[in-house]
Amino acid sequence: MIATEPTLENLTFTINQEIHVKAPMDVTFAALLEQLGPGNQTPDGKSLNMKIEAWPGGRWYRDMGDGNGHFWANVKAIMRPSLLEFVGPLFASFPLTSNVQYRLKEADGGTLITFRHTALGFLPEEQKAGINTGWTAMNDRVRSHAEAGK
C-alpha cells in the first residue's frame, strides 16, 4: 500500500449550497431543526434517531437507546431564525473536525439558506464522494418540509 502524503488539499474540503425556500424564515428554521433532529432519516426512510439540544453548547447526536449512540457536534451558535452553526466530527469515525453553518435570510418572498460545511482532517476519498449528496438530500428535505408548513 502506498501512503499519500498529507497536503492541505487532501485534508480539507468545503461544500457550499444555496437553498431557496418558499416559506417564511421562522417556518424554515423550525423545519431545519426538525430535519436535522428527530426528522432525520436514511435515504430509505428509516429514522436516525437524531437529537439536537438547540442552545449554544448543546449536543447534536444520534440516540440509539440504552446510553448508546454517536456524538456528531456541538451547537456553536444559534440565533433564531437566522443562524445555526455546529462544530464537531459529525458522521466521521476518523480524525476530522467540521464546521457546519446554516445562515437564513429573507429573499424573494421566502427564505434563502446559505449552507457551508468545512472540514479539516482525514477522510477517505470514497467517503468524501457521498458527503455532497447527503447534504443535498438533507437540505431538500428541509425545503420540502418548510414549504409544506411542517
C-alpha atoms as a PDB file:
ATOM      1  CA  MET A   1       0.000   0.000   0.000  1.00  0.00           C
ATOM      2  CA  ILE A   2       1.328   3.406  -0.967  1.00  0.00           C
ATOM      3  CA  ALA A   3       0.548   6.164   1.507  1.00  0.00           C
ATOM      4  CA  THR A   4      -0.446   9.547   0.154  1.00  0.00           C
ATOM      5  CA  GLU A   5       1.487  12.414   1.671  1.00  0.00           C
ATOM      6  CA  PRO A   6      -0.934  14.652   3.618  1.00  0.00           C
ATOM      7  CA  THR A   7      -1.477  18.039   1.998  1.00  0.00           C
ATOM      8  CA  LEU A   8      -3.824  20.892   2.773  1.00  0.00           C
ATOM      9  CA  GLU A   9      -5.863  19.935  -0.307  1.00  0.00           C
ATOM     10  CA  ASN A  10      -6.465  16.325   0.708  1.00  0.00           C
ATOM     11  CA  LEU A  11      -7.006  17.136   4.401  1.00  0.00           C
ATOM     12  CA  THR A  12      -9.706  19.757   3.845  1.00  0.00           C
ATOM     13  CA  PHE A  13     -12.955  20.108   1.979  1.00  0.00           C
ATOM     14  CA  THR A  14     -15.738  22.647   1.718  1.00  0.00           C
ATOM     15  CA  ILE A  15     -19.291  22.285   0.483  1.00  0.00           C
ATOM     16  CA  ASN A  16     -21.351  25.387  -0.294  1.00  0.00           C
ATOM     17  CA  GLN A  17     -25.029  25.286  -1.196  1.00  0.00           C
ATOM     18  CA  GLU A  18     -27.836  27.810  -1.534  1.00  0.00           C
ATOM     19  CA  ILE A  19     -31.350  26.583  -0.866  1.00  0.00           C
ATOM     20  CA  HIS A  20     -34.308  28.746  -1.895  1.00  0.00           C
ATOM     21  CA  VAL A  21     -37.342  28.043   0.282  1.00  0.00           C
ATOM     22  CA  LYS A  22     -40.851  29.329  -0.383  1.00  0.00           C
ATOM     23  CA  ALA A  23     -41.655  29.759   3.309  1.00  0.00           C
ATOM     24  CA  PRO A  24     -41.035  32.385   5.996  1.00  0.00           C
ATOM     25  CA  MET A  25     -37.755  32.304   7.935  1.00  0.00           C
ATOM     26  CA  ASP A  26     -39.303  31.109  11.206  1.00  0.00           C
ATOM     27  CA  VAL A  27     -41.046  28.191   9.476  1.00  0.00           C
ATOM     28  CA  THR A  28     -37.842  27.338   7.595  1.00  0.00           C
ATOM     29  CA  PHE A  29     -35.762  27.457  10.773  1.00  0.00           C
ATOM     30  CA  ALA A  30     -38.235  25.145  12.565  1.00  0.00           C
ATOM     31  CA  ALA A  31     -38.087  22.722   9.605  1.00  0.00           C
ATOM     32  CA  LEU A  32     -34.275  22.843   9.758  1.00  0.00           C
ATOM     33  CA  LEU A  33     -34.237  21.855  13.449  1.00  0.00           C
ATOM     34  CA  GLU A  34     -36.796  19.109  12.801  1.00  0.00           C
ATOM     35  CA  GLN A  35     -34.960  17.618   9.818  1.00  0.00           C
ATOM     36  CA  LEU A  36     -31.517  17.717  11.431  1.00  0.00           C
ATOM     37  CA  GLY A  37     -33.031  16.325  14.623  1.00  0.00           C
ATOM     38  CA  PRO A  38     -35.945  13.898  15.046  1.00  0.00           C
ATOM     39  CA  GLY A  39     -36.981  14.015  11.365  1.00  0.00           C
ATOM     40  CA  ASN A  40     -33.516  12.977  10.154  1.00  0.00           C
ATOM     41  CA  GLN A  41     -33.606   9.726   8.208  1.00  0.00           C
ATOM     42  CA  THR A  42     -31.683   7.416   5.927  1.00  0.00           C
ATOM     43  CA  PRO A  43     -32.329   7.516   2.152  1.00  0.00           C
ATOM     44  CA  ASP A  44     -34.727   4.577   2.574  1.00  0.00           C
ATOM     45  CA  GLY A  45     -36.786   6.452   5.191  1.00  0.00           C
ATOM     46  CA  LYS A  46     -35.521   4.900   8.443  1.00  0.00           C
ATOM     47  CA  SER A  47     -35.175   7.258  11.402  1.00  0.00           C
ATOM     48  CA  LEU A  48     -31.628   8.036  12.523  1.00  0.00           C
ATOM     49  CA  ASN A  49     -32.923   8.980  15.996  1.00  0.00           C
ATOM     50  CA  MET A  50     -31.034  12.266  15.914  1.00  0.00           C
ATOM     51  CA  LYS A  51     -31.358  14.801  18.731  1.00  0.00           C
ATOM     52  CA  ILE A  52     -30.450  18.477  18.847  1.00  0.00           C
ATOM     53  CA  GLU A  53     -30.133  20.423  22.059  1.00  0.00           C
ATOM     54  CA  ALA A  54     -30.886  23.765  20.384  1.00  0.00           C
ATOM     55  CA  TRP A  55     -28.813  26.124  22.533  1.00  0.00           C
ATOM     56  CA  PRO A  56     -25.145  27.223  22.494  1.00  0.00           C
ATOM     57  CA  GLY A  57     -23.012  24.254  23.562  1.00  0.00           C
ATOM     58  CA  GLY A  58     -25.907  21.825  23.078  1.00  0.00           C
ATOM     59  CA  ARG A  59     -25.219  18.442  21.523  1.00  0.00           C
ATOM     60  CA  TRP A  60     -26.235  17.097  18.136  1.00  0.00           C
ATOM     61  CA  TYR A  61     -26.142  13.320  18.395  1.00  0.00           C
ATOM     62  CA  ARG A  62     -27.662  10.005  17.389  1.00  0.00           C
ATOM     63  CA  ASP A  63     -29.507   8.344  20.267  1.00  0.00           C
ATOM     64  CA  MET A  64     -29.558   4.560  19.864  1.00  0.00           C
ATOM     65  CA  GLY A  65     -31.066   3.932  23.306  1.00  0.00           C
ATOM     66  CA  ASP A  66     -29.657   2.412  26.496  1.00  0.00           C
ATOM     67  CA  GLY A  67     -26.897   5.048  26.609  1.00  0.00           C
ATOM     68  CA  ASN A  68     -25.617   4.099  23.136  1.00  0.00           C
ATOM     69  CA  GLY A  69     -25.167   6.432  20.192  1.00  0.00           C
ATOM     70  CA  HIS A  70     -22.885   8.696  18.191  1.00  0.00           C
ATOM     71  CA  PHE A  71     -21.835  12.248  19.046  1.00  0.00           C
ATOM     72  CA  TRP A  72     -21.926  14.458  15.946  1.00  0.00           C
ATOM     73  CA  ALA A  73     -21.296  18.031  17.067  1.00  0.00           C
ATOM     74  CA  ASN A  74     -21.944  20.841  19.484  1.00  0.00           C
ATOM     75  CA  VAL A  75     -24.099  23.835  18.686  1.00  0.00           C
ATOM     76  CA  LYS A  76     -21.520  26.594  18.238  1.00  0.00           C
ATOM     77  CA  ALA A  77     -24.033  29.361  17.608  1.00  0.00           C
ATOM     78  CA  ILE A  78     -27.779  29.696  17.326  1.00  0.00           C
ATOM     79  CA  MET A  79     -29.636  32.915  16.558  1.00  0.00           C
ATOM     80  CA  ARG A  80     -33.254  32.100  15.768  1.00  0.00           C
ATOM     81  CA  PRO A  81     -34.293  32.257  12.944  1.00  0.00           C
ATOM     82  CA  SER A  82     -31.158  33.379  11.083  1.00  0.00           C
ATOM     83  CA  LEU A  83     -28.220  31.169  12.149  1.00  0.00           C
ATOM     84  CA  LEU A  84     -27.486  27.595  13.183  1.00  0.00           C
ATOM     85  CA  GLU A  85     -23.841  26.537  13.433  1.00  0.00           C
ATOM     86  CA  PHE A  86     -22.219  23.283  14.576  1.00  0.00           C
ATOM     87  CA  VAL A  87     -18.655  22.158  15.234  1.00  0.00           C
ATOM     88  CA  GLY A  88     -17.600  18.512  15.661  1.00  0.00           C
ATOM     89  CA  PRO A  89     -16.698  15.238  13.942  1.00  0.00           C
ATOM     90  CA  LEU A  90     -20.215  14.689  12.513  1.00  0.00           C
ATOM     91  CA  PHE A  91     -20.550  11.223  10.926  1.00  0.00           C
ATOM     92  CA  ALA A  92     -16.789  10.534  10.775  1.00  0.00           C
ATOM     93  CA  SER A  93     -15.022   7.816  12.726  1.00  0.00           C
ATOM     94  CA  PHE A  94     -11.742   9.378  11.656  1.00  0.00           C
ATOM     95  CA  PRO A  95      -9.636  12.280  12.954  1.00  0.00           C
ATOM     96  CA  LEU A  96     -11.805  15.006  11.428  1.00  0.00           C
ATOM     97  CA  THR A  97     -13.462  18.173  12.665  1.00  0.00           C
ATOM     98  CA  SER A  98     -16.186  20.049  10.839  1.00  0.00           C
ATOM     99  CA  ASN A  99     -17.872  23.412  10.945  1.00  0.00           C
ATOM    100  CA  VAL A 100     -21.407  23.458   9.559  1.00  0.00           C
ATOM    101  CA  GLN A 101     -23.255  26.735   9.079  1.00  0.00           C
ATOM    102  CA  TYR A 102     -26.831  27.410   8.105  1.00  0.00           C
ATOM    103  CA  ARG A 103     -27.444  31.135   7.530  1.00  0.00           C
ATOM    104  CA  LEU A 104     -31.015  32.173   6.719  1.00  0.00           C
ATOM    105  CA  LYS A 105     -32.275  35.464   5.315  1.00  0.00           C
ATOM    106  CA  GLU A 106     -35.450  36.736   3.742  1.00  0.00           C
ATOM    107  CA  ALA A 107     -35.325  36.613  -0.048  1.00  0.00           C
ATOM    108  CA  ASP A 108     -37.746  36.525  -2.982  1.00  0.00           C
ATOM    109  CA  GLY A 109     -40.873  36.113  -0.875  1.00  0.00           C
ATOM    110  CA  GLY A 110     -39.346  33.310   1.152  1.00  0.00           C
ATOM    111  CA  THR A 111     -36.040  32.313   2.707  1.00  0.00           C
ATOM    112  CA  LEU A 112     -32.568  31.827   1.312  1.00  0.00           C
ATOM    113  CA  ILE A 113     -30.450  29.312   3.231  1.00  0.00           C
ATOM    114  CA  THR A 114     -26.718  29.632   2.714  1.00  0.00           C
ATOM    115  CA  PHE A 115     -25.165  26.326   3.758  1.00  0.00           C
ATOM    116  CA  ARG A 116     -21.452  25.713   4.295  1.00  0.00           C
ATOM    117  CA  HIS A 117     -19.679  22.587   5.558  1.00  0.00           C
ATOM    118  CA  THR A 118     -15.933  22.969   6.045  1.00  0.00           C
ATOM    119  CA  ALA A 119     -13.812  20.124   7.407  1.00  0.00           C
ATOM    120  CA  LEU A 120     -10.200  19.512   8.338  1.00  0.00           C
ATOM    121  CA  GLY A 121      -8.678  16.077   8.909  1.00  0.00           C
ATOM    122  CA  PHE A 122      -8.506  12.617   7.443  1.00  0.00           C
ATOM    123  CA  LEU A 123     -11.456  11.255   5.497  1.00  0.00           C
ATOM    124  CA  PRO A 124     -11.088   8.535   2.846  1.00  0.00           C
ATOM    125  CA  GLU A 125     -11.915   9.655  -0.697  1.00  0.00           C
ATOM    126  CA  GLU A 126     -14.744   7.119  -1.016  1.00  0.00           C
ATOM    127  CA  GLN A 127     -16.486   8.756   1.950  1.00  0.00           C
ATOM    128  CA  LYS A 128     -15.870  12.297   0.700  1.00  0.00           C
ATOM    129  CA  ALA A 129     -17.685  11.379  -2.513  1.00  0.00           C
ATOM    130  CA  GLY A 130     -21.044  10.917  -0.751  1.00  0.00           C
ATOM    131  CA  ILE A 131     -20.999  13.962   1.505  1.00  0.00           C
ATOM    132  CA  ASN A 132     -22.351  16.464  -1.020  1.00  0.00           C
ATOM    133  CA  THR A 133     -25.111  14.022  -1.991  1.00  0.00           C
ATOM    134  CA  GLY A 134     -26.044  13.537   1.657  1.00  0.00           C
ATOM    135  CA  TRP A 135     -26.233  17.263   2.408  1.00  0.00           C
ATOM    136  CA  THR A 136     -28.213  17.893  -0.776  1.00  0.00           C
ATOM    137  CA  ALA A 137     -30.791  15.285   0.266  1.00  0.00           C
ATOM    138  CA  MET A 138     -30.955  16.751   3.778  1.00  0.00           C
ATOM    139  CA  ASN A 139     -31.344  20.304   2.525  1.00  0.00           C
ATOM    140  CA  ASP A 140     -34.020  19.202   0.031  1.00  0.00           C
ATOM    141  CA  ARG A 141     -35.982  17.652   2.922  1.00  0.00           C
ATOM    142  CA  VAL A 142     -35.667  20.895   4.908  1.00  0.00           C
ATOM    143  CA  ARG A 143     -37.012  22.863   1.930  1.00  0.00           C
ATOM    144  CA  SER A 144     -39.865  20.418   1.286  1.00  0.00           C
ATOM    145  CA  HIS A 145     -40.969  20.345   4.917  1.00  0.00           C
ATOM    146  CA  ALA A 146     -40.799  24.128   5.287  1.00  0.00           C
ATOM    147  CA  GLU A 147     -42.770  24.661   2.083  1.00  0.00           C
ATOM    148  CA  ALA A 148     -45.375  22.156   3.249  1.00  0.00           C
ATOM    149  CA  GLY A 149     -45.642  24.042   6.539  1.00  0.00           C
ATOM    150  CA  LYS A 150     -44.433  21.026   8.539  1.00  0.00           C
END
